[in-house]
Amino acid sequence: MVKDLEEQGYLVKIKDHSHNVGTHDRCGCTVEPMLSKQWYVKMETLAKPAIEVVKEKEIKFIPERFEKIYFNWMENIQDWCISRQLWWGHRIPVWYCKDCGEIIVQTEAPTHCSRCKSENLKQDSDVLDTWFSSALWPFSTLGWPNSTEDLKYFYPTSTLVTGGDIIFFWVARMIFSGLYNMKEVPFNTVFFHGMVRDDQGRKMSKSLDNGVDPLEVIENFGADALRFSLATGNAPGSDIRFYESRVEAARNFANKIWNASRFVMMNFDEALMDKYTQCKNYSTADKWILSRLNTVVKEVTDNLDKFEIGIALQKVYDFMWTEFCDWYIELVKPVLYGDNEEAKGVVLNVLNKVLISGLKLLHPVMPFITEEIYTHLKADTKSITIAQWPVYEEELKDVKAEEYMNFIIDAIKNTRNARSEMNVPPSRKAKTFIYATEAREAFEQGKTYFEKLASASEVVLLNSKEQAPENIVTVVSMGAEIYMPLLELVDAEKELERLNKEKEKLEKEIARVEGKLNNEKFTAKAPKEVVEEERAKGEKYKEMYKSVLESIENLK
């Protein structure tokens, strides 16, 4: 080049320059750019309709923020270089006539030149960019360009699930390729998931040696646990940090479901279940769990429709672990071990229904354990994979039963906590007196639950506080005061210490609520029902605070 410039009189000066020289990462050889002829796809006419379908919401991006990235690239798009100098790949379907230079483009290899009839032809040695063939995936896999039954049925598909890091490489190219070749969008929704990073938020890579082998994780905790841990705790499109402790927690959840299922199946009596399959003589606990299941089915289905997968799974987790396993199963054990045949048959059918529905809600994320358990239950299908998704049943909604059980559960929990703080073992039962400040009927129906779960030897409902015996421990709960003559079993000073802690806790809650209600921005902008709910909370806390003060005074 220097010689040519010098010969033609264009050389002005020769000067050394320091610059970075690219080298091959394996052999260390110098790598320099070389200009060569390439094949391109003209993008202007392809990009316009691809932009429009996203703007008009024919294709919906979830989360919506990825639209901005998509538009920024598509509106400033350049022609696409599709030729690659690689050994492996789809050969570019171009042939050159060595005699006349004619360029022939067609799907089948030509036998002769279309211009001079020469048979002296050579195919282009380049291959197509891998994303070119990937862009054709939504229809090429279904028999295109032939009009097959699969193509008619499956194109367009409903949802594409992918990562935001390949929005340019794959998503955009599938959209304009589908519009060009099929005259229709390839999918209606694109759901972008995040990237799994290490526990410090770094991208997993060989150089950092921070990668996690999923096979090892599965060996230790199971595939279901790994899937569940990755699907929960993050928002759509957001990266997630990988913590082994979260996989372990998911494994514990799977064990909880497994053990609860074993207990239910151990008590199965199919003849009894068939006999009372139409019986609707439900207890308060039965009505409550069916109503809660109904609500969870509706909410989880709505969340999944919005691709709020983490929120949906957390609701299933809370329902199955706490409400079904920890509460309902414990509440109905006396029925299962009792002599009332009808009550037992009803409970077994409720257990079967709730467990089957819960497994269905979990199945998309935990397919293995749910399929295994499902095959041993009284189900309508042999496999959970072909079962119908649970549906909301209006007749199962029971607001009253839910309200009653909230009172009962809160009272039992507070009673247990009080006994625990006073180091009274569950085996040491005590006569329990309850003064219901509201929903007396709830506590009348919940007597047996107290005897089973709150270590009550006997439950007595009082008509007034004055009927409470002397030398008692008072437990304040939602809608009730519980009195237990435990002072002969416990240290009065420790009980006074517990009450003072409860007093401080209630003072903080009252201050928090009053702070909200005194904030004009909150009362002006928050929905009316939210403000009223806070006011109701404040009144309830004040009532509880008053009761605690009375209990403290009685112990002095």
Protein backbone atom coordinates (compact mmCIF):
# COMPACT_ATOMS: atom_id res chain seq x y z
CA MET A 1 0.00 0.00 0.00
CA VAL A 2 2.86 2.39 0.86
CA LYS A 3 4.52 1.60 -2.44
CA ASP A 4 1.30 2.33 -4.41
CA LEU A 5 0.80 5.64 -2.63
CA GLU A 6 4.39 6.64 -3.25
CA GLU A 7 4.29 5.76 -6.95
CA GLN A 8 1.15 7.82 -7.49
CA GLY A 9 2.46 10.79 -5.51
CA TYR A 10 -0.06 10.57 -2.70
CA LEU A 11 2.30 9.67 0.16
CA VAL A 12 2.70 12.59 2.58
CA LYS A 13 4.46 11.05 5.59
CA ILE A 14 5.37 7.69 7.13
CA LYS A 15 4.89 7.58 10.92
CA ASP A 16 4.70 4.79 13.53
CA HIS A 17 1.50 4.48 15.58
CA SER A 18 0.95 2.50 18.80
CA HIS A 19 -2.31 0.55 18.78
CA ASN A 20 -3.95 -2.57 20.19
CA VAL A 21 -3.42 -5.69 18.12
CA GLY A 22 -6.10 -8.34 18.39
CA THR A 23 -4.91 -11.88 19.09
CA HIS A 24 -6.59 -15.27 19.05
CA ASP A 25 -7.53 -16.34 22.60
CA ARG A 26 -6.20 -19.89 22.07
CA CYS A 27 -3.18 -19.81 19.77
CA GLY A 28 -2.12 -16.18 20.27
CA CYS A 29 -1.91 -15.43 16.52
CA THR A 30 -2.56 -11.88 15.37
CA VAL A 31 -6.12 -11.36 14.21
CA GLU A 32 -6.71 -8.55 11.75
CA PRO A 33 -9.94 -7.49 10.01
CA MET A 34 -10.23 -8.29 6.33
CA LEU A 35 -12.77 -6.69 4.04
CA SER A 36 -14.76 -9.22 2.06
CA LYS A 37 -18.06 -9.53 0.27
CA GLN A 38 -20.98 -10.55 2.51
CA TRP A 39 -24.67 -11.31 2.09
CA TYR A 40 -27.16 -8.95 3.73
CA VAL A 41 -30.91 -8.82 4.34
CA LYS A 42 -32.39 -5.39 3.63
CA MET A 43 -34.20 -4.48 6.86
CA GLU A 44 -36.17 -1.28 6.27
CA THR A 45 -39.28 -2.91 4.78
CA LEU A 46 -39.13 -5.81 7.26
CA ALA A 47 -38.77 -3.62 10.36
CA LYS A 48 -41.80 -1.38 9.86
CA PRO A 49 -44.54 -4.03 10.22
CA ALA A 50 -42.60 -5.65 13.07
CA ILE A 51 -42.68 -2.34 14.94
CA GLU A 52 -46.38 -1.84 14.28
CA VAL A 53 -47.55 -5.21 15.66
CA VAL A 54 -45.89 -4.49 19.01
CA LYS A 55 -47.20 -0.91 19.11
CA GLU A 56 -50.72 -2.13 18.35
CA LYS A 57 -50.42 -4.85 21.03
CA GLU A 58 -50.84 -7.70 18.57
CA ILE A 59 -47.75 -8.94 20.37
CA LYS A 60 -47.58 -8.16 24.08
CA PHE A 61 -44.25 -7.95 25.94
CA ILE A 62 -44.12 -8.96 29.61
CA PRO A 63 -42.68 -6.99 31.37
CA GLU A 64 -43.71 -4.06 29.17
CA ARG A 65 -40.40 -2.24 29.72
CA PHE A 66 -38.77 -4.50 27.13
CA GLU A 67 -40.80 -2.75 24.44
CA LYS A 68 -38.53 0.29 24.78
CA ILE A 69 -35.45 -1.84 24.10
CA TYR A 70 -37.18 -3.48 21.14
CA PHE A 71 -38.30 -0.19 19.57
CA ASN A 72 -34.91 1.43 20.08
CA TRP A 73 -33.24 -1.35 18.09
CA MET A 74 -35.89 -1.78 15.41
CA GLU A 75 -36.27 1.95 14.72
CA ASN A 76 -32.51 2.32 14.26
CA ILE A 77 -31.94 -1.01 12.56
CA GLN A 78 -29.24 -1.58 9.94
CA ASP A 79 -29.16 -4.18 7.20
CA TRP A 80 -28.50 -7.64 8.58
CA CYS A 81 -25.29 -9.43 7.58
CA ILE A 82 -26.30 -13.10 7.35
CA SER A 83 -23.14 -14.75 5.92
CA ARG A 84 -20.61 -16.43 8.22
CA GLN A 85 -17.21 -17.94 7.46
CA LEU A 86 -17.60 -21.14 9.47
CA TRP A 87 -17.18 -24.82 8.75
CA TRP A 88 -20.56 -25.87 10.14
CA GLY A 89 -23.98 -24.42 9.42
CA HIS A 90 -26.65 -24.06 6.76
CA ARG A 91 -24.90 -23.33 3.45
CA ILE A 92 -26.04 -20.14 1.78
CA PRO A 93 -28.21 -21.24 -1.19
CA VAL A 94 -26.23 -19.26 -3.77
CA TRP A 95 -24.31 -20.65 -6.77
CA TYR A 96 -21.91 -18.86 -9.09
CA CYS A 97 -21.35 -19.66 -12.76
CA LYS A 98 -17.59 -19.81 -13.32
CA ASP A 99 -18.00 -19.09 -17.02
CA CYS A 100 -20.29 -16.05 -17.17
CA GLY A 101 -20.40 -14.91 -13.49
CA GLU A 102 -24.19 -15.35 -13.15
CA ILE A 103 -25.42 -15.53 -9.53
CA ILE A 104 -28.12 -18.15 -8.98
CA VAL A 105 -30.27 -18.14 -5.81
CA GLN A 106 -32.66 -21.07 -5.27
CA THR A 107 -33.53 -23.76 -2.75
CA GLU A 108 -32.48 -26.72 -4.89
CA ALA A 109 -28.97 -27.11 -6.31
CA PRO A 110 -29.04 -26.04 -10.01
CA THR A 111 -27.74 -28.39 -12.72
CA HIS A 112 -26.66 -25.62 -15.08
CA CYS A 113 -26.41 -21.87 -15.41
CA SER A 114 -29.73 -20.21 -16.16
CA ARG A 115 -27.95 -17.67 -18.36
CA CYS A 116 -25.27 -19.48 -20.39
CA LYS A 117 -26.32 -23.11 -19.68
CA SER A 118 -22.84 -23.91 -18.34
CA GLU A 119 -22.59 -26.71 -15.80
CA ASN A 120 -19.43 -25.21 -14.31
CA LEU A 121 -21.03 -24.00 -11.06
CA LYS A 122 -19.74 -23.39 -7.53
CA GLN A 123 -21.78 -22.91 -4.35
CA ASP A 124 -20.98 -20.05 -1.97
CA SER A 125 -18.72 -21.39 0.81
CA ASP A 126 -20.29 -19.22 3.56
CA VAL A 127 -23.00 -20.43 5.92
CA LEU A 128 -26.03 -18.57 7.25
CA ASP A 129 -25.95 -16.71 10.55
CA THR A 130 -27.34 -19.15 13.15
CA TRP A 131 -30.05 -16.63 14.06
CA PHE A 132 -31.30 -16.66 10.47
CA SER A 133 -32.46 -20.25 10.72
CA SER A 134 -33.57 -19.69 14.32
CA ALA A 135 -35.79 -16.85 13.12
CA LEU A 136 -37.73 -19.37 11.01
CA TRP A 137 -38.30 -21.74 13.94
CA PRO A 138 -42.01 -20.92 14.70
CA PHE A 139 -43.09 -22.17 11.26
CA SER A 140 -40.19 -24.13 9.74
CA THR A 141 -40.57 -26.81 12.43
CA LEU A 142 -44.22 -27.27 11.46
CA GLY A 143 -43.68 -28.25 7.84
CA TRP A 144 -43.41 -24.84 6.16
CA PRO A 145 -43.34 -23.99 3.29
CA ASN A 146 -45.94 -26.77 2.91
CA SER A 147 -49.40 -26.06 4.33
CA THR A 148 -49.46 -28.86 6.90
CA GLU A 149 -52.09 -29.57 9.55
CA ASP A 150 -49.53 -28.84 12.28
CA LEU A 151 -48.78 -25.45 10.73
CA LYS A 152 -52.47 -24.57 10.56
CA TYR A 153 -53.07 -25.65 14.15
CA PHE A 154 -49.96 -24.44 15.98
CA TYR A 155 -49.15 -21.21 14.12
CA PRO A 156 -49.29 -18.68 15.63
CA THR A 157 -48.46 -20.02 19.08
CA SER A 158 -49.67 -18.27 22.22
CA THR A 159 -46.56 -17.49 24.25
CA LEU A 160 -42.80 -17.30 23.75
CA VAL A 161 -40.72 -17.64 26.93
CA THR A 162 -37.18 -16.32 26.58
CA GLY A 163 -34.47 -14.12 28.05
CA GLY A 164 -34.23 -10.40 27.48
CA ASP A 165 -30.59 -10.75 26.41
CA ILE A 166 -31.63 -12.21 23.02
CA ILE A 167 -34.44 -9.79 22.20
CA PHE A 168 -32.48 -8.60 19.12
CA PHE A 169 -30.95 -11.91 18.09
CA TRP A 170 -34.09 -14.02 18.23
CA VAL A 171 -37.35 -12.33 19.27
CA ALA A 172 -37.25 -9.44 16.78
CA ARG A 173 -36.09 -11.70 13.96
CA MET A 174 -38.82 -14.26 14.57
CA ILE A 175 -41.39 -11.46 14.46
CA PHE A 176 -40.37 -9.97 11.11
CA SER A 177 -39.66 -13.40 9.60
CA GLY A 178 -43.10 -14.64 10.62
CA LEU A 179 -44.80 -11.54 9.25
CA TYR A 180 -42.89 -11.80 5.95
CA ASN A 181 -43.33 -15.53 5.35
CA MET A 182 -46.66 -16.25 7.06
CA LYS A 183 -48.32 -12.80 6.89
CA GLU A 184 -49.17 -13.25 10.57
CA VAL A 185 -47.43 -12.75 13.93
CA PRO A 186 -45.63 -15.88 15.24
CA PHE A 187 -46.92 -15.48 18.82
CA ASN A 188 -49.21 -13.24 20.84
CA THR A 189 -47.17 -12.84 24.03
CA VAL A 190 -43.46 -12.73 24.84
CA PHE A 191 -42.59 -13.47 28.47
CA PHE A 192 -39.05 -12.39 29.38
CA HIS A 193 -37.43 -14.15 32.32
CA GLY A 194 -34.30 -13.01 34.11
CA MET A 195 -30.85 -14.55 34.27
CA VAL A 196 -29.76 -16.86 37.09
CA ARG A 197 -26.72 -15.30 38.79
CA ASP A 198 -24.53 -16.43 41.66
CA ASP A 199 -25.22 -15.46 45.28
CA GLN A 200 -23.22 -12.24 44.80
CA GLY A 201 -25.21 -11.19 41.75
CA ARG A 202 -22.43 -12.01 39.27
CA LYS A 203 -22.99 -13.72 35.94
CA MET A 204 -21.94 -17.36 36.10
CA SER A 205 -18.83 -17.97 33.99
CA LYS A 206 -15.85 -20.28 33.61
CA SER A 207 -13.39 -17.49 34.34
CA LEU A 208 -15.01 -16.76 37.71
CA ASP A 209 -15.52 -20.48 38.39
CA ASN A 210 -18.86 -19.63 39.99
CA GLY A 211 -21.10 -21.86 37.91
CA VAL A 212 -23.56 -24.29 39.48
CA ASP A 213 -24.06 -27.76 38.03
CA PRO A 214 -27.84 -28.32 38.04
CA LEU A 215 -27.32 -32.09 37.99
CA GLU A 216 -25.49 -31.89 41.33
CA VAL A 217 -28.23 -29.71 42.80
CA ILE A 218 -30.88 -32.16 41.57
CA GLU A 219 -28.92 -35.07 43.05
CA ASN A 220 -28.94 -33.36 46.47
CA PHE A 221 -32.39 -31.77 46.55
CA GLY A 222 -34.44 -33.04 43.60
CA ALA A 223 -35.54 -31.49 40.30
CA ASP A 224 -38.85 -30.25 41.74
CA ALA A 225 -37.08 -28.33 44.51
CA LEU A 226 -34.71 -26.68 42.02
CA ARG A 227 -37.56 -25.69 39.71
CA PHE A 228 -39.65 -24.30 42.58
CA SER A 229 -36.78 -22.25 44.02
CA LEU A 230 -36.02 -20.65 40.64
CA ALA A 231 -39.67 -19.86 39.91
CA THR A 232 -40.34 -18.08 43.21
CA GLY A 233 -39.05 -14.91 44.76
CA ASN A 234 -38.42 -12.81 41.65
CA ALA A 235 -40.39 -10.55 39.34
CA PRO A 236 -40.77 -11.18 35.58
CA GLY A 237 -37.72 -10.04 33.63
CA SER A 238 -35.58 -9.59 36.75
CA ASP A 239 -32.40 -11.56 37.40
CA ILE A 240 -32.39 -13.99 40.30
CA ARG A 241 -29.53 -14.86 42.65
CA PHE A 242 -28.97 -18.55 43.24
CA TYR A 243 -28.88 -19.61 46.89
CA GLU A 244 -28.63 -23.28 47.75
CA SER A 245 -30.53 -22.54 50.98
CA ARG A 246 -33.58 -21.61 48.89
CA VAL A 247 -33.42 -24.95 47.07
CA GLU A 248 -33.18 -26.67 50.46
CA ALA A 249 -36.27 -24.78 51.65
CA ALA A 250 -38.12 -25.88 48.50
CA ARG A 251 -37.04 -29.48 49.22
CA ASN A 252 -38.49 -29.13 52.73
CA PHE A 253 -41.75 -27.92 51.19
CA ALA A 254 -41.82 -31.00 48.94
CA ASN A 255 -41.24 -33.19 52.00
CA LYS A 256 -44.09 -31.41 53.80
CA ILE A 257 -46.49 -32.15 50.92
CA TRP A 258 -45.24 -35.75 50.72
CA ASN A 259 -45.73 -36.43 54.44
CA ALA A 260 -49.16 -34.76 54.52
CA SER A 261 -50.21 -36.83 51.50
CA ARG A 262 -49.02 -40.04 53.16
CA PHE A 263 -51.07 -39.21 56.24
CA VAL A 264 -54.18 -38.57 54.15
CA MET A 265 -53.75 -41.79 52.14
CA MET A 266 -53.09 -43.85 55.29
CA ASN A 267 -56.55 -42.84 56.51
CA PHE A 268 -58.34 -43.41 53.19
CA ASP A 269 -61.48 -45.53 53.32
CA GLU A 270 -62.79 -45.61 49.75
CA ALA A 271 -66.04 -47.33 50.67
CA LEU A 272 -66.77 -44.65 53.26
CA MET A 273 -65.76 -41.89 50.83
CA ASP A 274 -68.06 -43.28 48.11
CA LYS A 275 -70.92 -43.57 50.60
CA TYR A 276 -70.71 -39.90 51.61
CA THR A 277 -69.39 -38.41 48.38
CA GLN A 278 -72.54 -36.28 47.97
CA CYS A 279 -72.85 -35.38 51.65
CA LYS A 280 -72.37 -31.65 52.29
CA ASN A 281 -72.74 -31.75 56.08
CA TYR A 282 -69.57 -29.71 56.50
CA SER A 283 -68.04 -28.52 59.77
CA THR A 284 -66.76 -24.95 60.14
CA ALA A 285 -63.24 -26.19 59.41
CA ASP A 286 -64.42 -28.00 56.26
CA LYS A 287 -66.23 -24.91 54.98
CA TRP A 288 -63.20 -22.77 55.80
CA ILE A 289 -60.61 -24.88 53.95
CA LEU A 290 -62.86 -25.30 50.89
CA SER A 291 -63.51 -21.56 50.80
CA ARG A 292 -59.83 -20.77 51.17
CA LEU A 293 -58.96 -23.29 48.44
CA ASN A 294 -61.54 -21.62 46.21
CA THR A 295 -59.99 -18.20 46.78
CA VAL A 296 -56.46 -19.49 46.18
CA VAL A 297 -57.53 -21.19 42.92
CA LYS A 298 -59.01 -17.93 41.66
CA GLU A 299 -56.08 -15.75 42.72
CA VAL A 300 -53.40 -18.15 41.48
CA THR A 301 -55.13 -18.53 38.11
CA ASP A 302 -55.36 -14.74 37.80
CA ASN A 303 -51.68 -14.38 38.73
CA LEU A 304 -50.60 -16.98 36.18
CA ASP A 305 -52.69 -15.30 33.48
CA LYS A 306 -50.68 -12.15 34.24
CA PHE A 307 -47.41 -14.17 34.31
CA GLU A 308 -46.94 -13.35 38.00
CA ILE A 309 -45.45 -16.78 38.59
CA GLY A 310 -43.55 -15.99 41.80
CA ILE A 311 -46.62 -14.43 43.44
CA ALA A 312 -48.82 -17.35 42.39
CA LEU A 313 -46.45 -19.99 43.78
CA GLN A 314 -46.03 -18.13 47.07
CA LYS A 315 -49.80 -18.24 47.54
CA VAL A 316 -49.87 -21.98 46.84
CA TYR A 317 -46.94 -22.47 49.23
CA ASP A 318 -48.65 -20.53 52.06
CA PHE A 319 -51.95 -22.31 51.54
CA MET A 320 -50.57 -25.84 51.35
CA TRP A 321 -47.99 -25.50 54.13
CA THR A 322 -49.85 -23.39 56.67
CA GLU A 323 -53.59 -23.63 56.10
CA PHE A 324 -53.83 -27.20 54.79
CA CYS A 325 -50.96 -29.06 56.47
CA ASP A 326 -50.48 -27.13 59.72
CA TRP A 327 -54.11 -26.29 60.45
CA TYR A 328 -56.78 -28.24 58.60
CA ILE A 329 -55.15 -31.66 58.92
CA GLU A 330 -54.57 -31.07 62.63
CA LEU A 331 -58.12 -29.78 63.13
CA VAL A 332 -59.73 -32.89 61.59
CA LYS A 333 -57.55 -35.56 63.23
CA PRO A 334 -60.11 -36.09 66.06
CA VAL A 335 -62.75 -36.75 63.38
CA LEU A 336 -60.52 -39.24 61.56
CA TYR A 337 -59.80 -41.09 64.80
CA GLY A 338 -63.40 -40.85 66.05
CA ASP A 339 -66.48 -43.02 65.63
CA ASN A 340 -68.73 -40.68 63.63
CA GLU A 341 -68.88 -42.44 60.28
CA GLU A 342 -70.55 -39.64 58.36
CA ALA A 343 -68.21 -36.93 59.66
CA LYS A 344 -65.22 -39.10 58.79
CA GLY A 345 -66.49 -39.76 55.26
CA VAL A 346 -67.06 -36.03 54.68
CA VAL A 347 -63.60 -35.10 55.98
CA LEU A 348 -61.88 -37.72 53.83
CA ASN A 349 -63.60 -36.37 50.71
CA VAL A 350 -62.61 -32.80 51.64
CA LEU A 351 -59.00 -33.89 52.24
CA ASN A 352 -58.96 -35.65 48.87
CA LYS A 353 -60.43 -32.65 47.02
CA VAL A 354 -58.13 -30.06 48.59
CA LEU A 355 -55.03 -32.20 48.13
CA ILE A 356 -55.82 -32.93 44.46
CA SER A 357 -56.48 -29.24 43.73
CA GLY A 358 -53.31 -28.18 45.53
CA LEU A 359 -51.26 -30.70 43.52
CA LYS A 360 -52.75 -29.37 40.29
CA LEU A 361 -51.74 -25.81 41.21
CA LEU A 362 -48.20 -27.01 41.94
CA HIS A 363 -47.85 -29.38 39.00
CA PRO A 364 -46.50 -26.92 36.37
CA VAL A 365 -43.49 -26.24 38.61
CA MET A 366 -43.22 -29.49 40.60
CA PRO A 367 -44.27 -32.14 38.07
CA PHE A 368 -42.61 -35.22 39.55
CA ILE A 369 -43.82 -35.28 43.15
CA THR A 370 -47.31 -34.09 42.16
CA GLU A 371 -47.69 -36.85 39.55
CA GLU A 372 -46.51 -39.52 41.99
CA ILE A 373 -48.93 -38.47 44.75
CA TYR A 374 -51.83 -37.87 42.36
CA THR A 375 -51.80 -41.44 41.06
CA HIS A 376 -52.58 -42.71 44.59
CA LEU A 377 -55.55 -40.41 45.22
CA LYS A 378 -59.22 -40.73 44.25
CA ALA A 379 -58.91 -38.66 41.08
CA ASP A 380 -60.88 -38.40 37.83
CA THR A 381 -57.88 -39.14 35.59
CA LYS A 382 -55.00 -41.60 35.74
CA SER A 383 -52.40 -38.87 35.31
CA ILE A 384 -52.31 -35.30 36.57
CA THR A 385 -50.89 -34.20 33.20
CA ILE A 386 -54.28 -34.73 31.55
CA ALA A 387 -56.39 -33.48 34.47
CA GLN A 388 -58.45 -30.30 34.28
CA TRP A 389 -57.08 -27.15 35.92
CA PRO A 390 -59.03 -26.26 39.12
CA VAL A 391 -61.83 -23.75 38.63
CA TYR A 392 -63.46 -21.24 40.95
CA GLU A 393 -66.75 -22.53 42.41
CA GLU A 394 -68.99 -19.73 43.67
CA GLU A 395 -70.95 -22.05 45.98
CA LEU A 396 -67.80 -22.89 47.97
CA LYS A 397 -67.10 -19.29 48.92
CA ASP A 398 -67.97 -18.91 52.62
CA VAL A 399 -67.01 -15.56 54.13
CA LYS A 400 -68.58 -16.43 57.48
CA ALA A 401 -66.60 -19.67 57.86
CA GLU A 402 -63.38 -17.85 56.98
CA GLU A 403 -64.15 -15.13 59.53
CA TYR A 404 -64.95 -17.69 62.24
CA MET A 405 -61.81 -19.70 61.61
CA ASN A 406 -59.69 -16.53 61.64
CA PHE A 407 -61.00 -15.86 65.16
CA ILE A 408 -60.38 -19.45 66.25
CA ILE A 409 -56.90 -19.76 64.72
CA ASP A 410 -55.77 -16.42 66.15
CA ALA A 411 -57.03 -17.42 69.61
CA ILE A 412 -55.31 -20.83 69.46
CA LYS A 413 -52.04 -19.30 68.23
CA ASN A 414 -52.02 -16.67 70.98
CA THR A 415 -52.87 -19.29 73.61
CA ARG A 416 -50.04 -21.51 72.42
CA ASN A 417 -47.63 -18.58 72.42
CA ALA A 418 -48.59 -17.66 75.97
CA ARG A 419 -48.11 -21.24 77.18
CA SER A 420 -44.77 -21.45 75.35
CA GLU A 421 -43.49 -18.22 76.87
CA MET A 422 -44.42 -19.54 80.31
CA ASN A 423 -42.75 -22.89 79.52
CA VAL A 424 -45.96 -24.85 80.05
CA PRO A 425 -45.68 -28.14 78.09
CA PRO A 426 -48.60 -29.18 75.81
CA SER A 427 -49.13 -32.26 77.93
CA ARG A 428 -50.13 -30.09 80.91
CA LYS A 429 -53.73 -29.27 80.12
CA ALA A 430 -55.76 -26.51 81.70
CA LYS A 431 -59.40 -25.55 81.90
CA THR A 432 -59.91 -22.67 79.47
CA PHE A 433 -62.47 -19.88 79.74
CA ILE A 434 -63.36 -17.76 76.72
CA TYR A 435 -65.17 -14.46 76.71
CA ALA A 436 -66.07 -13.70 73.09
CA THR A 437 -66.15 -9.95 72.51
CA GLU A 438 -67.53 -10.73 69.02
CA ALA A 439 -68.57 -13.79 67.00
CA ARG A 440 -69.52 -15.89 70.03
CA GLU A 441 -70.89 -18.52 67.64
CA ALA A 442 -67.40 -19.01 66.19
CA PHE A 443 -66.00 -20.01 69.57
CA GLU A 444 -68.96 -22.24 70.34
CA GLN A 445 -68.20 -24.15 67.15
CA GLY A 446 -64.47 -24.09 67.90
CA LYS A 447 -64.54 -25.72 71.33
CA THR A 448 -63.23 -29.07 70.09
CA TYR A 449 -60.45 -27.31 68.17
CA PHE A 450 -59.25 -25.67 71.39
CA GLU A 451 -59.22 -28.98 73.21
CA LYS A 452 -57.11 -30.53 70.47
CA LEU A 453 -54.73 -27.69 69.58
CA ALA A 454 -54.60 -25.41 72.64
CA SER A 455 -54.17 -28.09 75.33
CA ALA A 456 -57.52 -27.27 76.93
CA SER A 457 -58.94 -29.91 79.26
CA GLU A 458 -62.31 -28.19 79.04
CA VAL A 459 -63.58 -25.06 77.28
CA VAL A 460 -66.14 -22.80 78.98
CA LEU A 461 -67.74 -19.85 77.21
CA LEU A 462 -68.46 -16.89 79.49
CA ASN A 463 -71.25 -14.38 79.10
CA SER A 464 -69.22 -11.59 80.72
CA LYS A 465 -65.70 -10.85 81.88
CA GLU A 466 -66.90 -10.78 85.49
CA GLN A 467 -67.51 -14.53 85.30
CA ALA A 468 -63.78 -15.18 84.86
CA PRO A 469 -62.17 -16.98 87.83
CA GLU A 470 -59.45 -15.39 89.95
CA ASN A 471 -55.71 -15.98 89.60
CA ILE A 472 -55.76 -16.44 85.89
CA VAL A 473 -53.54 -15.79 82.89
CA THR A 474 -55.29 -13.65 80.29
CA VAL A 475 -54.61 -14.02 76.58
CA VAL A 476 -56.02 -11.36 74.27
CA SER A 477 -56.86 -12.41 70.74
CA MET A 478 -58.92 -11.18 67.82
CA GLY A 479 -62.52 -11.10 69.03
CA ALA A 480 -61.95 -12.81 72.37
CA GLU A 481 -60.23 -12.95 75.72
CA ILE A 482 -58.97 -16.32 76.89
CA TYR A 483 -58.52 -17.01 80.60
CA MET A 484 -56.45 -19.89 81.94
CA PRO A 485 -55.92 -20.69 85.65
CA LEU A 486 -52.25 -21.36 85.12
CA LEU A 487 -50.75 -19.25 87.89
CA GLU A 488 -50.24 -22.29 90.09
CA LEU A 489 -48.23 -23.77 87.20
CA VAL A 490 -46.19 -20.76 86.21
CA ASP A 491 -44.08 -17.95 87.63
CA ALA A 492 -46.22 -14.83 88.12
CA GLU A 493 -43.21 -12.57 87.48
CA LYS A 494 -42.59 -14.19 84.09
CA GLU A 495 -46.26 -13.81 83.17
CA LEU A 496 -46.06 -10.13 84.13
CA GLU A 497 -42.98 -9.82 81.92
CA ARG A 498 -44.87 -11.41 79.01
CA LEU A 499 -47.80 -9.07 79.43
CA ASN A 500 -45.54 -6.04 79.50
CA LYS A 501 -43.98 -7.17 76.21
CA GLU A 502 -47.46 -7.54 74.74
CA LYS A 503 -48.29 -4.06 76.04
CA GLU A 504 -45.22 -2.56 74.32
CA LYS A 505 -46.06 -4.36 71.10
CA LEU A 506 -49.62 -3.01 71.11
CA GLU A 507 -48.38 0.51 71.89
CA LYS A 508 -46.22 0.38 68.77
CA GLU A 509 -49.12 -0.87 66.65
CA ILE A 510 -51.44 1.84 67.98
CA ALA A 511 -48.80 4.50 67.29
CA ARG A 512 -48.27 3.16 63.78
CA VAL A 513 -51.99 3.24 62.96
CA GLU A 514 -52.48 6.69 64.47
CA GLY A 515 -49.47 7.94 62.52
CA LYS A 516 -51.10 6.76 59.31
CA LEU A 517 -54.49 8.23 60.17
CA ASN A 518 -52.94 11.57 61.16
CA ASN A 519 -51.14 11.73 57.82
CA GLU A 520 -53.31 13.85 55.52
CA LYS A 521 -51.61 12.43 52.42
CA PHE A 522 -52.63 8.91 53.44
CA THR A 523 -56.26 9.75 54.32
CA ALA A 524 -56.65 11.84 51.16
CA LYS A 525 -55.03 9.51 48.63
CA ALA A 526 -55.65 6.01 50.00
CA PRO A 527 -58.89 4.22 49.00
CA LYS A 528 -61.71 4.80 51.47
CA GLU A 529 -61.92 1.11 52.39
CA VAL A 530 -58.18 1.04 53.23
CA VAL A 531 -58.54 4.05 55.55
CA GLU A 532 -61.57 2.46 57.24
CA GLU A 533 -59.66 -0.78 57.65
CA GLU A 534 -56.85 1.09 59.44
CA ARG A 535 -59.39 2.79 61.73
CA ALA A 536 -60.91 -0.60 62.59
CA LYS A 537 -57.43 -1.96 63.35
CA GLY A 538 -56.76 0.97 65.64
CA GLU A 539 -59.96 0.38 67.61
CA LYS A 540 -59.19 -3.33 67.90
CA TYR A 541 -55.63 -2.67 69.14
CA LYS A 542 -56.97 -0.23 71.74
CA GLU A 543 -59.42 -2.84 73.03
CA MET A 544 -56.64 -5.42 73.26
CA TYR A 545 -54.41 -2.87 74.99
CA LYS A 546 -57.11 -2.17 77.57
CA SER A 547 -57.43 -5.90 78.32
CA VAL A 548 -53.69 -6.31 78.72
CA LEU A 549 -53.58 -3.40 81.19
CA GLU A 550 -56.35 -5.03 83.22
CA SER A 551 -54.42 -8.33 83.25
CA ILE A 552 -51.26 -6.56 84.42
CA GLU A 553 -53.22 -4.85 87.18
CA ASN A 554 -54.65 -8.20 88.33
CA LEU A 555 -51.16 -9.66 88.73
CA LYS A 556 -49.78 -6.77 90.81
